[in-house]
C-alpha atoms as a PDB file:
ATOM      1  CA  MET A   1     -60.238 -52.750  40.680  1.00  0.00           C
ATOM      2  CA  PHE A   2     -57.348 -54.158  38.651  1.00  0.00           C
ATOM      3  CA  ASN A   3     -58.233 -55.673  35.295  1.00  0.00           C
ATOM      4  CA  HIS A   4     -54.800 -57.217  34.640  1.00  0.00           C
ATOM      5  CA  GLN A   5     -53.724 -54.139  32.695  1.00  0.00           C
ATOM      6  CA  THR A   6     -50.696 -51.930  33.105  1.00  0.00           C
ATOM      7  CA  ARG A   7     -52.788 -48.982  32.032  1.00  0.00           C
ATOM      8  CA  ALA A   8     -56.448 -48.548  32.901  1.00  0.00           C
ATOM      9  CA  PRO A   9     -58.798 -47.075  30.299  1.00  0.00           C
ATOM     10  CA  GLU A  10     -58.501 -43.330  30.755  1.00  0.00           C
ATOM     11  CA  GLU A  11     -62.187 -42.505  30.836  1.00  0.00           C
ATOM     12  CA  THR A  12     -63.654 -45.574  32.520  1.00  0.00           C
ATOM     13  CA  ALA A  13     -61.158 -46.939  34.998  1.00  0.00           C
ATOM     14  CA  SER A  14     -58.663 -45.916  37.622  1.00  0.00           C
ATOM     15  CA  PHE A  15     -56.118 -47.814  39.648  1.00  0.00           C
ATOM     16  CA  TYR A  16     -57.457 -45.886  42.664  1.00  0.00           C
ATOM     17  CA  GLY A  17     -61.150 -46.482  42.137  1.00  0.00           C
ATOM     18  CA  TYR A  18     -61.450 -42.694  41.832  1.00  0.00           C
ATOM     19  CA  THR A  19     -59.579 -39.757  40.320  1.00  0.00           C
ATOM     20  CA  PRO A  20     -57.403 -37.997  42.938  1.00  0.00           C
ATOM     21  CA  ASP A  21     -58.631 -34.459  43.590  1.00  0.00           C
ATOM     22  CA  ARG A  22     -56.072 -32.149  41.992  1.00  0.00           C
ATOM     23  CA  ALA A  23     -56.605 -29.272  44.421  1.00  0.00           C
ATOM     24  CA  ILE A  24     -56.210 -31.577  47.431  1.00  0.00           C
ATOM     25  CA  CYS A  25     -53.001 -33.005  45.966  1.00  0.00           C
ATOM     26  CA  ILE A  26     -51.577 -29.517  45.450  1.00  0.00           C
ATOM     27  CA  ILE A  27     -52.485 -28.515  49.013  1.00  0.00           C
ATOM     28  CA  PHE A  28     -50.810 -31.540  50.601  1.00  0.00           C
ATOM     29  CA  LEU A  29     -47.806 -31.302  48.286  1.00  0.00           C
ATOM     30  CA  SER A  30     -47.363 -27.656  49.277  1.00  0.00           C
ATOM     31  CA  LEU A  31     -47.800 -28.365  52.991  1.00  0.00           C
ATOM     32  CA  PHE A  32     -45.261 -31.184  53.029  1.00  0.00           C
ATOM     33  CA  SER A  33     -42.799 -29.177  50.930  1.00  0.00           C
ATOM     34  CA  VAL A  34     -42.916 -26.209  53.312  1.00  0.00           C
ATOM     35  CA  SER A  35     -42.624 -28.415  56.401  1.00  0.00           C
ATOM     36  CA  THR A  36     -39.691 -30.361  54.962  1.00  0.00           C
ATOM     37  CA  ILE A  37     -37.765 -27.230  54.008  1.00  0.00           C
ATOM     38  CA  VAL A  38     -38.299 -25.838  57.514  1.00  0.00           C
ATOM     39  CA  HIS A  39     -37.207 -29.146  59.057  1.00  0.00           C
ATOM     40  CA  VAL A  40     -33.972 -29.084  57.052  1.00  0.00           C
ATOM     41  CA  ALA A  41     -33.289 -25.524  58.210  1.00  0.00           C
ATOM     42  CA  GLN A  42     -34.072 -26.461  61.821  1.00  0.00           C
ATOM     43  CA  ALA A  43     -31.836 -29.528  61.692  1.00  0.00           C
ATOM     44  CA  ILE A  44     -28.956 -27.351  60.501  1.00  0.00           C
ATOM     45  CA  ALA A  45     -29.666 -24.512  62.938  1.00  0.00           C
ATOM     46  CA  TYR A  46     -29.890 -26.774  66.000  1.00  0.00           C
ATOM     47  CA  ARG A  47     -27.334 -29.323  64.735  1.00  0.00           C
ATOM     48  CA  THR A  48     -29.822 -32.153  65.159  1.00  0.00           C
ATOM     49  CA  TRP A  49     -28.411 -34.202  62.301  1.00  0.00           C
ATOM     50  CA  TRP A  50     -30.468 -37.266  63.264  1.00  0.00           C
ATOM     51  CA  TRP A  51     -33.502 -35.182  62.279  1.00  0.00           C
ATOM     52  CA  LEU A  52     -32.491 -35.425  58.615  1.00  0.00           C
ATOM     53  CA  GLY A  53     -32.975 -39.197  58.606  1.00  0.00           C
ATOM     54  CA  THR A  54     -36.269 -39.051  60.475  1.00  0.00           C
ATOM     55  CA  ALA A  55     -38.662 -36.104  60.057  1.00  0.00           C
ATOM     56  CA  VAL A  56     -36.969 -34.806  56.904  1.00  0.00           C
ATOM     57  CA  LEU A  57     -37.006 -38.256  55.289  1.00  0.00           C
ATOM     58  CA  CYS A  58     -40.712 -38.549  56.120  1.00  0.00           C
ATOM     59  CA  GLY A  59     -41.327 -35.217  54.410  1.00  0.00           C
ATOM     60  CA  VAL A  60     -39.369 -36.213  51.306  1.00  0.00           C
ATOM     61  CA  LEU A  61     -41.337 -39.459  50.964  1.00  0.00           C
ATOM     62  CA  GLU A  62     -44.627 -37.590  51.389  1.00  0.00           C
ATOM     63  CA  ILE A  63     -43.564 -35.075  48.735  1.00  0.00           C
ATOM     64  CA  LEU A  64     -42.837 -37.933  46.335  1.00  0.00           C
ATOM     65  CA  GLY A  65     -46.105 -39.657  47.209  1.00  0.00           C
ATOM     66  CA  TRP A  66     -48.278 -36.589  46.757  1.00  0.00           C
ATOM     67  CA  SER A  67     -46.420 -35.601  43.585  1.00  0.00           C
ATOM     68  CA  ALA A  68     -47.387 -38.996  42.201  1.00  0.00           C
ATOM     69  CA  ARG A  69     -51.007 -38.500  43.261  1.00  0.00           C
ATOM     70  CA  LEU A  70     -50.994 -35.102  41.553  1.00  0.00           C
ATOM     71  CA  TRP A  71     -49.683 -36.812  38.422  1.00  0.00           C
ATOM     72  CA  SER A  72     -52.502 -39.339  38.713  1.00  0.00           C
ATOM     73  CA  SER A  73     -55.064 -36.539  38.925  1.00  0.00           C
ATOM     74  CA  PHE A  74     -54.384 -35.942  35.223  1.00  0.00           C
ATOM     75  CA  ASN A  75     -54.701 -39.626  34.336  1.00  0.00           C
ATOM     76  CA  PRO A  76     -55.643 -42.104  37.099  1.00  0.00           C
ATOM     77  CA  GLY A  77     -55.152 -44.986  34.674  1.00  0.00           C
ATOM     78  CA  LEU A  78     -51.357 -44.697  34.620  1.00  0.00           C
ATOM     79  CA  LYS A  79     -49.547 -47.390  36.582  1.00  0.00           C
ATOM     80  CA  ASP A  80     -46.263 -45.605  37.422  1.00  0.00           C
ATOM     81  CA  PRO A  81     -47.621 -42.756  39.568  1.00  0.00           C
ATOM     82  CA  PHE A  82     -50.009 -45.146  41.321  1.00  0.00           C
ATOM     83  CA  ALA A  83     -47.173 -47.520  42.209  1.00  0.00           C
ATOM     84  CA  MET A  84     -44.995 -44.602  43.321  1.00  0.00           C
ATOM     85  CA  GLN A  85     -47.588 -43.108  45.661  1.00  0.00           C
ATOM     86  CA  LEU A  86     -48.464 -46.552  46.978  1.00  0.00           C
ATOM     87  CA  THR A  87     -44.910 -47.202  48.161  1.00  0.00           C
ATOM     88  CA  CYS A  88     -44.032 -43.682  49.318  1.00  0.00           C
ATOM     89  CA  THR A  89     -47.150 -42.966  51.364  1.00  0.00           C
ATOM     90  CA  ILE A  90     -47.072 -46.352  53.094  1.00  0.00           C
ATOM     91  CA  LEU A  91     -43.415 -45.886  54.134  1.00  0.00           C
ATOM     92  CA  ALA A  92     -43.320 -42.151  54.923  1.00  0.00           C
ATOM     93  CA  PRO A  93     -44.566 -42.164  58.556  1.00  0.00           C
ATOM     94  CA  THR A  94     -42.023 -44.785  59.675  1.00  0.00           C
ATOM     95  CA  PRO A  95     -39.022 -42.410  59.941  1.00  0.00           C
ATOM     96  CA  LEU A  96     -41.217 -39.816  61.673  1.00  0.00           C
ATOM     97  CA  LEU A  97     -42.130 -42.448  64.249  1.00  0.00           C
ATOM     98  CA  ALA A  98     -38.400 -43.025  64.756  1.00  0.00           C
ATOM     99  CA  ALA A  99     -38.076 -39.319  65.601  1.00  0.00           C
ATOM    100  CA  ASN A 100     -40.670 -39.801  68.336  1.00  0.00           C
ATOM    101  CA  PHE A 101     -38.595 -42.635  69.777  1.00  0.00           C
ATOM    102  CA  VAL A 102     -35.563 -40.346  70.005  1.00  0.00           C
ATOM    103  CA  ILE A 103     -37.628 -37.600  71.638  1.00  0.00           C
ATOM    104  CA  LEU A 104     -38.860 -39.999  74.339  1.00  0.00           C
ATOM    105  CA  GLU A 105     -35.283 -41.105  74.968  1.00  0.00           C
ATOM    106  CA  LYS A 106     -34.240 -37.487  75.510  1.00  0.00           C
ATOM    107  CA  LEU A 107     -37.219 -36.803  77.773  1.00  0.00           C
ATOM    108  CA  ILE A 108     -36.250 -39.764  79.943  1.00  0.00           C
ATOM    109  CA  GLN A 109     -32.698 -38.460  80.167  1.00  0.00           C
ATOM    110  CA  GLN A 110     -33.970 -35.019  81.162  1.00  0.00           C
ATOM    111  CA  LEU A 111     -36.571 -36.047  83.741  1.00  0.00           C
ATOM    112  CA  GLY A 112     -34.914 -39.087  85.307  1.00  0.00           C
ATOM    113  CA  THR A 113     -34.068 -42.569  84.119  1.00  0.00           C
ATOM    114  CA  GLY A 114     -35.249 -44.110  87.388  1.00  0.00           C
ATOM    115  CA  TYR A 115     -38.886 -43.608  86.353  1.00  0.00           C
ATOM    116  CA  SER A 116     -38.442 -45.554  83.132  1.00  0.00           C
ATOM    117  CA  ARG A 117     -38.967 -49.300  82.896  1.00  0.00           C
ATOM    118  CA  LEU A 118     -36.112 -49.487  80.387  1.00  0.00           C
ATOM    119  CA  SER A 119     -32.963 -47.431  80.084  1.00  0.00           C
ATOM    120  CA  PRO A 120     -32.969 -44.745  77.375  1.00  0.00           C
ATOM    121  CA  ARG A 121     -30.478 -46.816  75.373  1.00  0.00           C
ATOM    122  CA  ALA A 122     -32.634 -49.935  75.701  1.00  0.00           C
ATOM    123  CA  TYR A 123     -35.645 -47.960  74.446  1.00  0.00           C
ATOM    124  CA  MET A 124     -33.711 -46.834  71.399  1.00  0.00           C
ATOM    125  CA  ILE A 125     -32.406 -50.318  70.616  1.00  0.00           C
ATOM    126  CA  LEU A 126     -35.838 -51.936  71.051  1.00  0.00           C
ATOM    127  CA  PHE A 127     -37.964 -49.439  69.168  1.00  0.00           C
ATOM    128  CA  SER A 128     -35.408 -48.624  66.475  1.00  0.00           C
ATOM    129  CA  THR A 129     -35.081 -52.332  65.706  1.00  0.00           C
ATOM    130  CA  CYS A 130     -38.855 -52.699  65.537  1.00  0.00           C
ATOM    131  CA  ASP A 131     -39.130 -49.591  63.362  1.00  0.00           C
ATOM    132  CA  VAL A 132     -36.548 -50.879  60.890  1.00  0.00           C
ATOM    133  CA  LEU A 133     -38.239 -54.288  60.791  1.00  0.00           C
ATOM    134  CA  SER A 134     -41.598 -52.647  60.134  1.00  0.00           C
ATOM    135  CA  LEU A 135     -40.038 -50.523  57.397  1.00  0.00           C
ATOM    136  CA  VAL A 136     -38.456 -53.551  55.713  1.00  0.00           C
ATOM    137  CA  VAL A 137     -41.711 -55.535  55.743  1.00  0.00           C
ATOM    138  CA  GLN A 138     -43.748 -52.599  54.429  1.00  0.00           C
ATOM    139  CA  ALA A 139     -41.147 -51.839  51.759  1.00  0.00           C
ATOM    140  CA  PHE A 140     -41.103 -55.475  50.644  1.00  0.00           C
ATOM    141  CA  GLY A 141     -44.885 -55.612  50.488  1.00  0.00           C
ATOM    142  CA  GLY A 142     -45.071 -52.251  48.758  1.00  0.00           C
ATOM    143  CA  GLY A 143     -42.490 -53.392  46.226  1.00  0.00           C
ATOM    144  CA  LEU A 144     -44.445 -56.555  45.459  1.00  0.00           C
ATOM    145  CA  ALA A 145     -47.699 -54.634  45.134  1.00  0.00           C
ATOM    146  CA  SER A 146     -46.103 -51.986  42.915  1.00  0.00           C
ATOM    147  CA  SER A 147     -44.519 -54.666  40.742  1.00  0.00           C
ATOM    148  CA  ALA A 148     -47.871 -56.408  40.439  1.00  0.00           C
ATOM    149  CA  VAL A 149     -49.492 -53.155  39.351  1.00  0.00           C
ATOM    150  CA  SER A 150     -46.735 -52.612  36.777  1.00  0.00           C
ATOM    151  CA  ASN A 151     -47.180 -56.146  35.440  1.00  0.00           C
ATOM    152  CA  GLY A 152     -50.958 -55.930  35.420  1.00  0.00           C
ATOM    153  CA  THR A 153     -51.351 -58.725  37.987  1.00  0.00           C
ATOM    154  CA  ASP A 154     -53.167 -58.945  41.308  1.00  0.00           C
ATOM    155  CA  PRO A 155     -51.398 -56.902  44.044  1.00  0.00           C
ATOM    156  CA  GLU A 156     -53.190 -58.673  46.928  1.00  0.00           C
ATOM    157  CA  LYS A 157     -50.108 -60.654  47.997  1.00  0.00           C
ATOM    158  CA  GLY A 158     -48.073 -57.485  48.376  1.00  0.00           C
ATOM    159  CA  GLY A 159     -51.009 -55.898  50.151  1.00  0.00           C
ATOM    160  CA  HIS A 160     -51.122 -58.708  52.702  1.00  0.00           C
ATOM    161  CA  ILE A 161     -47.418 -58.260  53.441  1.00  0.00           C
ATOM    162  CA  MET A 162     -47.924 -54.508  53.779  1.00  0.00           C
ATOM    163  CA  LEU A 163     -50.761 -55.238  56.194  1.00  0.00           C
ATOM    164  CA  ILE A 164     -48.426 -57.314  58.367  1.00  0.00           C
ATOM    165  CA  GLY A 165     -45.894 -54.475  58.412  1.00  0.00           C
ATOM    166  CA  VAL A 166     -48.440 -51.786  59.283  1.00  0.00           C
ATOM    167  CA  ALA A 167     -50.129 -53.978  61.916  1.00  0.00           C
ATOM    168  CA  PHE A 168     -46.730 -54.587  63.502  1.00  0.00           C
ATOM    169  CA  GLN A 169     -46.083 -50.845  63.436  1.00  0.00           C
ATOM    170  CA  LEU A 170     -49.431 -50.253  65.144  1.00  0.00           C
ATOM    171  CA  ALA A 171     -48.463 -52.727  67.876  1.00  0.00           C
ATOM    172  CA  VAL A 172     -45.104 -50.956  68.306  1.00  0.00           C
ATOM    173  CA  ILE A 173     -46.832 -47.565  68.632  1.00  0.00           C
ATOM    174  CA  THR A 174     -49.159 -49.051  71.256  1.00  0.00           C
ATOM    175  CA  LEU A 175     -46.289 -50.510  73.308  1.00  0.00           C
ATOM    176  CA  TYR A 176     -44.303 -47.286  72.972  1.00  0.00           C
ATOM    177  CA  SER A 177     -47.305 -45.274  74.172  1.00  0.00           C
ATOM    178  CA  ILE A 178     -47.906 -47.543  77.160  1.00  0.00           C
ATOM    179  CA  LEU A 179     -44.279 -47.338  78.284  1.00  0.00           C
ATOM    180  CA  GLY A 180     -44.204 -43.581  77.707  1.00  0.00           C
ATOM    181  CA  ILE A 181     -47.394 -43.040  79.715  1.00  0.00           C
ATOM    182  CA  GLU A 182     -46.059 -45.219  82.530  1.00  0.00           C
ATOM    183  CA  PHE A 183     -42.832 -43.218  82.632  1.00  0.00           C
ATOM    184  CA  LEU A 184     -44.678 -39.899  82.792  1.00  0.00           C
ATOM    185  CA  ALA A 185     -47.127 -41.154  85.427  1.00  0.00           C
ATOM    186  CA  ARG A 186     -44.305 -42.434  87.631  1.00  0.00           C
ATOM    187  CA  TYR A 187     -42.491 -39.137  87.259  1.00  0.00           C
ATOM    188  CA  LEU A 188     -45.567 -37.088  88.187  1.00  0.00           C
ATOM    189  CA  ILE A 189     -46.333 -39.118  91.327  1.00  0.00           C
ATOM    190  CA  ASN A 190     -42.621 -39.584  92.044  1.00  0.00           C
ATOM    191  CA  THR A 191     -42.599 -43.386  92.234  1.00  0.00           C
ATOM    192  CA  PRO A 192     -39.414 -44.538  90.488  1.00  0.00           C
ATOM    193  CA  ILE A 193     -39.029 -48.126  89.372  1.00  0.00           C
ATOM    194  CA  ARG A 194     -35.498 -48.133  90.711  1.00  0.00           C
ATOM    195  CA  ASN A 195     -33.417 -45.797  92.819  1.00  0.00           C
ATOM    196  CA  HIS A 196     -31.573 -43.016  91.041  1.00  0.00           C
ATOM    197  CA  GLY A 197     -27.989 -44.077  90.663  1.00  0.00           C
ATOM    198  CA  GLY A 198     -24.916 -41.901  90.941  1.00  0.00           C
ATOM    199  CA  ASP A 199     -25.567 -38.249  90.178  1.00  0.00           C
ATOM    200  CA  GLN A 200     -28.874 -38.842  88.391  1.00  0.00           C
ATOM    201  CA  LYS A 201     -31.744 -37.016  90.037  1.00  0.00           C
ATOM    202  CA  ARG A 202     -35.320 -36.047  89.277  1.00  0.00           C
ATOM    203  CA  GLY A 203     -35.217 -33.362  86.599  1.00  0.00           C
ATOM    204  CA  ASP A 204     -37.485 -30.326  86.573  1.00  0.00           C
ATOM    205  CA  LEU A 205     -40.566 -30.434  84.366  1.00  0.00           C
ATOM    206  CA  THR A 206     -40.090 -27.056  82.728  1.00  0.00           C
ATOM    207  CA  LEU A 207     -42.603 -25.329  80.476  1.00  0.00           C
ATOM    208  CA  ASN A 208     -40.512 -26.284  77.446  1.00  0.00           C
ATOM    209  CA  LEU A 209     -40.566 -29.947  78.440  1.00  0.00           C
ATOM    210  CA  LYS A 210     -44.328 -29.794  79.022  1.00  0.00           C
ATOM    211  CA  LEU A 211     -44.744 -28.419  75.504  1.00  0.00           C
ATOM    212  CA  MET A 212     -42.470 -31.148  74.119  1.00  0.00           C
ATOM    213  CA  ILE A 213     -44.491 -33.847  75.896  1.00  0.00           C
ATOM    214  CA  ALA A 214     -47.755 -32.387  74.569  1.00  0.00           C
ATOM    215  CA  ALA A 215     -46.338 -32.233  71.032  1.00  0.00           C
ATOM    216  CA  LEU A 216     -45.022 -35.793  71.292  1.00  0.00           C
ATOM    217  CA  ALA A 217     -48.389 -37.064  72.532  1.00  0.00           C
ATOM    218  CA  PHE A 218     -50.241 -35.263  69.732  1.00  0.00           C
ATOM    219  CA  SER A 219     -47.852 -36.566  67.074  1.00  0.00           C
ATOM    220  CA  THR A 220     -48.101 -40.121  68.396  1.00  0.00           C
ATOM    221  CA  ILE A 221     -51.913 -39.996  68.405  1.00  0.00           C
ATOM    222  CA  CYS A 222     -51.891 -38.823  64.774  1.00  0.00           C
ATOM    223  CA  LEU A 223     -49.517 -41.632  63.786  1.00  0.00           C
ATOM    224  CA  PHE A 224     -51.666 -44.155  65.675  1.00  0.00           C
ATOM    225  CA  ILE A 225     -54.837 -43.019  63.879  1.00  0.00           C
ATOM    226  CA  ARG A 226     -53.071 -43.234  60.530  1.00  0.00           C
ATOM    227  CA  ALA A 227     -51.723 -46.740  61.241  1.00  0.00           C
ATOM    228  CA  GLU A 228     -55.150 -47.942  62.403  1.00  0.00           C
ATOM    229  CA  TYR A 229     -56.701 -46.571  59.218  1.00  0.00           C
ATOM    230  CA  ARG A 230     -54.115 -48.322  57.060  1.00  0.00           C
ATOM    231  CA  VAL A 231     -54.693 -51.634  58.826  1.00  0.00           C
ATOM    232  CA  ILE A 232     -58.452 -51.391  58.269  1.00  0.00           C
ATOM    233  CA  GLU A 233     -57.908 -50.246  54.668  1.00  0.00           C
ATOM    234  CA  LEU A 234     -55.629 -53.156  53.776  1.00  0.00           C
ATOM    235  CA  GLU A 235     -57.839 -55.672  55.595  1.00  0.00           C
ATOM    236  CA  ASP A 236     -60.765 -54.446  53.505  1.00  0.00           C
ATOM    237  CA  GLY A 237     -58.892 -55.373  50.331  1.00  0.00           C
ATOM    238  CA  TRP A 238     -57.740 -53.621  47.165  1.00  0.00           C
ATOM    239  CA  GLY A 239     -61.227 -53.350  45.766  1.00  0.00           C
ATOM    240  CA  GLY A 240     -62.879 -52.515  49.089  1.00  0.00           C
ATOM    241  CA  ARG A 241     -64.915 -49.442  49.937  1.00  0.00           C
ATOM    242  CA  ILE A 242     -62.251 -47.919  52.188  1.00  0.00           C
ATOM    243  CA  ILE A 243     -59.309 -47.937  49.779  1.00  0.00           C
ATOM    244  CA  THR A 244     -61.519 -46.679  46.931  1.00  0.00           C
ATOM    245  CA  THR A 245     -62.926 -43.739  48.942  1.00  0.00           C
ATOM    246  CA  GLU A 246     -60.601 -40.758  48.574  1.00  0.00           C
ATOM    247  CA  VAL A 247     -61.794 -38.733  51.557  1.00  0.00           C
ATOM    248  CA  TYR A 248     -60.696 -41.478  53.957  1.00  0.00           C
ATOM    249  CA  PHE A 249     -57.153 -41.335  52.617  1.00  0.00           C
ATOM    250  CA  ASN A 250     -57.038 -37.539  52.612  1.00  0.00           C
ATOM    251  CA  VAL A 251     -58.255 -37.204  56.198  1.00  0.00           C
ATOM    252  CA  LEU A 252     -56.901 -40.315  57.920  1.00  0.00           C
ATOM    253  CA  ASP A 253     -53.537 -40.506  56.151  1.00  0.00           C
ATOM    254  CA  GLY A 254     -52.632 -37.181  54.562  1.00  0.00           C
ATOM    255  CA  ALA A 255     -54.067 -34.912  57.246  1.00  0.00           C
ATOM    256  CA  MET A 256     -52.785 -37.045  60.133  1.00  0.00           C
ATOM    257  CA  ILE A 257     -49.204 -37.035  58.844  1.00  0.00           C
ATOM    258  CA  THR A 258     -49.448 -33.309  58.101  1.00  0.00           C
ATOM    259  CA  LEU A 259     -50.450 -32.600  61.699  1.00  0.00           C
ATOM    260  CA  ALA A 260     -47.799 -34.959  63.074  1.00  0.00           C
ATOM    261  CA  ILE A 261     -44.969 -33.400  61.068  1.00  0.00           C
ATOM    262  CA  TYR A 262     -46.022 -29.790  61.647  1.00  0.00           C
ATOM    263  CA  VAL A 263     -46.325 -30.105  65.417  1.00  0.00           C
ATOM    264  CA  VAL A 264     -42.616 -30.941  65.591  1.00  0.00           C
ATOM    265  CA  ASN A 265     -41.897 -27.940  63.369  1.00  0.00           C
ATOM    266  CA  VAL A 266     -43.515 -25.723  65.976  1.00  0.00           C
ATOM    267  CA  PHE A 267     -42.085 -27.571  68.972  1.00  0.00           C
ATOM    268  CA  HIS A 268     -38.773 -28.659  67.520  1.00  0.00           C
ATOM    269  CA  PRO A 269     -36.780 -30.908  69.876  1.00  0.00           C
ATOM    270  CA  GLY A 270     -33.531 -29.176  68.952  1.00  0.00           C
ATOM    271  CA  ARG A 271     -34.832 -25.898  70.344  1.00  0.00           C
ATOM    272  CA  ILE A 272     -36.703 -27.436  73.272  1.00  0.00           C
ATOM    273  CA  PHE A 273     -33.841 -29.550  74.568  1.00  0.00           C
ATOM    274  CA  ARG A 274     -31.263 -26.846  73.973  1.00  0.00           C
ATOM    275  CA  HIS A 275     -33.175 -24.517  76.284  1.00  0.00           C
ATOM    276  CA  THR A 276     -33.901 -27.168  78.920  1.00  0.00           C
ATOM    277  CA  ARG A 277     -30.415 -28.666  79.172  1.00  0.00           C
ATOM    278  CA  GLU A 278     -29.371 -28.065  82.750  1.00  0.00           C
ATOM    279  CA  ARG A 279     -26.024 -27.907  84.436  1.00  0.00           C
ATOM    280  CA  ARG A 280     -25.433 -29.162  87.946  1.00  0.00           C
ATOM    281  CA  VAL A 281     -22.523 -28.016  90.030  1.00  0.00           C
ATOM    282  CA  VAL A 282     -20.501 -30.905  91.390  1.00  0.00           C
ATOM    283  CA  GLY A 283     -17.675 -29.519  93.485  1.00  0.00           C
ATOM    284  CA  PRO A 284     -15.841 -26.912  91.413  1.00  0.00           C
ATOM    285  CA  SER A 285     -16.855 -28.416  88.041  1.00  0.00           C
ATOM    286  CA  TYR A 286     -19.972 -28.567  85.897  1.00  0.00           C
ATOM    287  CA  ILE A 287     -21.620 -31.705  84.537  1.00  0.00           C
ATOM    288  CA  THR A 288     -23.951 -31.300  81.571  1.00  0.00           C
ATOM    289  CA  MET A 289     -27.226 -33.154  81.905  1.00  0.00           C
ATOM    290  CA  SER A 290     -28.108 -34.255  78.365  1.00  0.00           C
END
């Protein structure tokens, strides 16, 4: 696919193995732009400032990535937009996954920490560390691959490092899902791992929390599908059939991240948890259950 050039012949070659569909690029660019603007407004309205560094950052990276693909639709032989979309689209879902970690932490706090194998804080430390590590590895691999493209050399080494990062992310999503499912199952059948300590009791599974759980599950499934696709794509190689077939990328990457980011627009945790925060009366005073 790469002929050791920094610019592919305009009419005969493409760094992608195809010419990105301009209409598709415009659609995804528009969708991510709208979602990101709404996420910024929601973060401000509900004072969920952590949302800016998670879902909003994902949206910004997707906007940059799809802007680069739109640029490439005019000339797929240019190296700069290819390198830009390569890095941005590989990194974008990582901060959105971090948002899912925070949502699970808050669900555990709402429903009861006794049903969770780890404390909410331990979940955040474990999965946030893994998420950052995955991001660093993918960024390093993406940087090497982009540099190779810019220099007209083989990007396979960077691709292999990216593969390690995405495969690790896939493993993290799997572990996160298993622990989340176990927590929910234990809550539903009321079999805590440990006794509730102090004032902590079994929280009510309100309609809002049910919707949040459904949205979280849907988002996680979308992110899992996307990560699995990326692993298979990178394993297949830079000149393989998967990476050079546009529809796979559009459906299994672009569409999956679109669905994952929009579902948390509709069921925003700031609104959900604001309405489900309960107060218990302890003597004459109130204690807020966060």
